[in-house]
Amino acid sequence: MEAQTGTTTGYVYGRVYDTGVTEPGVRRAACARSSAGGAVREPEYESGWTWINAGYNMQIGYNDEYYGAITAPAPGSYRYVYRFSRDEGVS
């Protein structure tokens, strides 16, 4: 995605499937976080990724879909990723 400094990207979406957690009729137990970083950065081992909480959007089949909007720290191209956990975002 392309963004200018301080502009919001609009919503970016992420989906997750976890047996016993995301099926229809099951209480939501996952925590989702979204982040954007430079187009050449990897979120696993490079700095420059700022994580924000994502909101639950809807059930799609056996997947839960989440959404969040990311604000660009500087002009440029960005990647976005999601990470999910069952511990309310502690990890």
C-alpha atoms as a PDB file:
ATOM      1  CA  MET A   1       0.000   0.000   0.000  1.00  0.00           C
ATOM      2  CA  GLU A   2       1.132   3.588  -0.600  1.00  0.00           C
ATOM      3  CA  ALA A   3       0.613   6.272   2.049  1.00  0.00           C
ATOM      4  CA  GLN A   4       1.613   9.841   2.908  1.00  0.00           C
ATOM      5  CA  THR A   5       2.817  10.964   6.356  1.00  0.00           C
ATOM      6  CA  GLY A   6       0.027  10.988   8.911  1.00  0.00           C
ATOM      7  CA  THR A   7      -2.615   9.619   6.560  1.00  0.00           C
ATOM      8  CA  THR A   8      -4.734   6.635   7.475  1.00  0.00           C
ATOM      9  CA  THR A   9      -4.712   3.696   5.101  1.00  0.00           C
ATOM     10  CA  GLY A  10      -8.379   2.915   5.411  1.00  0.00           C
ATOM     11  CA  TYR A  11      -9.225  -0.505   6.771  1.00  0.00           C
ATOM     12  CA  VAL A  12      -6.905  -3.446   6.264  1.00  0.00           C
ATOM     13  CA  TYR A  13      -8.323  -6.899   6.969  1.00  0.00           C
ATOM     14  CA  GLY A  14      -6.929 -10.127   8.346  1.00  0.00           C
ATOM     15  CA  ARG A  15      -8.545 -13.554   8.809  1.00  0.00           C
ATOM     16  CA  VAL A  16      -7.723 -16.389  11.156  1.00  0.00           C
ATOM     17  CA  TYR A  17      -8.854 -19.991  11.575  1.00  0.00           C
ATOM     18  CA  ASP A  18      -8.202 -21.843  14.825  1.00  0.00           C
ATOM     19  CA  THR A  19      -9.877 -25.173  15.594  1.00  0.00           C
ATOM     20  CA  GLY A  20     -12.346 -24.802  18.452  1.00  0.00           C
ATOM     21  CA  VAL A  21     -12.000 -21.016  18.504  1.00  0.00           C
ATOM     22  CA  THR A  22     -13.191 -19.460  15.236  1.00  0.00           C
ATOM     23  CA  GLU A  23     -15.997 -21.768  14.136  1.00  0.00           C
ATOM     24  CA  PRO A  24     -19.534 -20.333  13.878  1.00  0.00           C
ATOM     25  CA  GLY A  25     -21.292 -20.225  17.251  1.00  0.00           C
ATOM     26  CA  VAL A  26     -18.049 -20.316  19.293  1.00  0.00           C
ATOM     27  CA  ARG A  27     -17.302 -17.443  21.678  1.00  0.00           C
ATOM     28  CA  ARG A  28     -14.478 -15.229  20.383  1.00  0.00           C
ATOM     29  CA  ALA A  29     -11.233 -16.008  22.193  1.00  0.00           C
ATOM     30  CA  ALA A  30      -8.631 -14.608  19.825  1.00  0.00           C
ATOM     31  CA  CYS A  31      -6.904 -11.232  20.013  1.00  0.00           C
ATOM     32  CA  ALA A  32      -5.860  -9.597  16.723  1.00  0.00           C
ATOM     33  CA  ARG A  33      -3.240  -6.943  16.113  1.00  0.00           C
ATOM     34  CA  SER A  34      -2.292  -5.263  12.852  1.00  0.00           C
ATOM     35  CA  SER A  35       0.899  -3.469  11.888  1.00  0.00           C
ATOM     36  CA  ALA A  36       2.511  -1.721   8.964  1.00  0.00           C
ATOM     37  CA  GLY A  37       6.216  -1.460   8.272  1.00  0.00           C
ATOM     38  CA  GLY A  38       8.539  -0.481   5.476  1.00  0.00           C
ATOM     39  CA  ALA A  39       8.146  -2.507   2.291  1.00  0.00           C
ATOM     40  CA  VAL A  40      11.588  -4.084   2.787  1.00  0.00           C
ATOM     41  CA  ARG A  41      11.196  -4.909   6.488  1.00  0.00           C
ATOM     42  CA  GLU A  42      10.244  -8.256   7.960  1.00  0.00           C
ATOM     43  CA  PRO A  43       8.030  -8.074  11.090  1.00  0.00           C
ATOM     44  CA  GLU A  44       9.568 -11.171  12.673  1.00  0.00           C
ATOM     45  CA  TYR A  45      13.036  -9.757  13.227  1.00  0.00           C
ATOM     46  CA  GLU A  46      13.291  -6.087  12.167  1.00  0.00           C
ATOM     47  CA  SER A  47      12.267  -2.954  14.037  1.00  0.00           C
ATOM     48  CA  GLY A  48       9.957  -0.359  12.520  1.00  0.00           C
ATOM     49  CA  TRP A  49       6.658  -2.182  13.053  1.00  0.00           C
ATOM     50  CA  THR A  50       4.073  -0.553  15.325  1.00  0.00           C
ATOM     51  CA  TRP A  51       1.275  -2.870  16.458  1.00  0.00           C
ATOM     52  CA  ILE A  52      -2.321  -1.693  16.981  1.00  0.00           C
ATOM     53  CA  ASN A  53      -5.352  -3.599  18.221  1.00  0.00           C
ATOM     54  CA  ALA A  54      -7.730  -4.722  15.495  1.00  0.00           C
ATOM     55  CA  GLY A  55     -11.482  -5.026  15.866  1.00  0.00           C
ATOM     56  CA  TYR A  56     -13.615  -8.057  15.131  1.00  0.00           C
ATOM     57  CA  ASN A  57     -15.452  -7.616  11.822  1.00  0.00           C
ATOM     58  CA  MET A  58     -17.382 -10.777  10.951  1.00  0.00           C
ATOM     59  CA  GLN A  59     -17.536 -14.548  10.659  1.00  0.00           C
ATOM     60  CA  ILE A  60     -16.674 -15.860   7.180  1.00  0.00           C
ATOM     61  CA  GLY A  61     -17.144 -19.607   7.020  1.00  0.00           C
ATOM     62  CA  TYR A  62     -14.920 -21.007   9.772  1.00  0.00           C
ATOM     63  CA  ASN A  63     -12.703 -17.903   9.839  1.00  0.00           C
ATOM     64  CA  ASP A  64     -12.927 -14.786  11.992  1.00  0.00           C
ATOM     65  CA  GLU A  65     -12.154 -11.557  10.143  1.00  0.00           C
ATOM     66  CA  TYR A  66     -10.620  -8.527  11.871  1.00  0.00           C
ATOM     67  CA  TYR A  67     -10.005  -4.955  10.689  1.00  0.00           C
ATOM     68  CA  GLY A  68      -7.831  -2.005  11.582  1.00  0.00           C
ATOM     69  CA  ALA A  69      -6.623   1.279  10.083  1.00  0.00           C
ATOM     70  CA  ILE A  70      -2.936   2.119  10.051  1.00  0.00           C
ATOM     71  CA  THR A  71      -1.457   5.644  10.077  1.00  0.00           C
ATOM     72  CA  ALA A  72       1.688   6.114   7.988  1.00  0.00           C
ATOM     73  CA  PRO A  73       4.703   7.534   9.874  1.00  0.00           C
ATOM     74  CA  ALA A  74       6.285   8.838   6.633  1.00  0.00           C
ATOM     75  CA  PRO A  75       5.544   8.846   2.886  1.00  0.00           C
ATOM     76  CA  GLY A  76       6.251   5.553   1.172  1.00  0.00           C
ATOM     77  CA  SER A  77       5.236   2.003   0.461  1.00  0.00           C
ATOM     78  CA  TYR A  78       4.209  -0.250   3.336  1.00  0.00           C
ATOM     79  CA  ARG A  79       3.395  -3.865   4.013  1.00  0.00           C
ATOM     80  CA  TYR A  80       0.826  -4.808   6.595  1.00  0.00           C
ATOM     81  CA  VAL A  81       0.512  -7.972   8.638  1.00  0.00           C
ATOM     82  CA  TYR A  82      -1.717  -9.424  11.322  1.00  0.00           C
ATOM     83  CA  ARG A  83      -0.821 -11.516  14.329  1.00  0.00           C
ATOM     84  CA  PHE A  84      -3.289 -13.406  16.463  1.00  0.00           C
ATOM     85  CA  SER A  85      -3.101 -14.767  19.988  1.00  0.00           C
ATOM     86  CA  ARG A  86      -5.373 -16.388  22.541  1.00  0.00           C
ATOM     87  CA  ASP A  87      -3.942 -14.463  25.504  1.00  0.00           C
ATOM     88  CA  GLU A  88      -5.559 -11.060  24.962  1.00  0.00           C
ATOM     89  CA  GLY A  89      -2.518  -9.669  23.155  1.00  0.00           C
ATOM     90  CA  VAL A  90       0.051 -10.380  25.863  1.00  0.00           C
ATOM     91  CA  SER A  91       2.399 -12.159  23.451  1.00  0.00           C
END
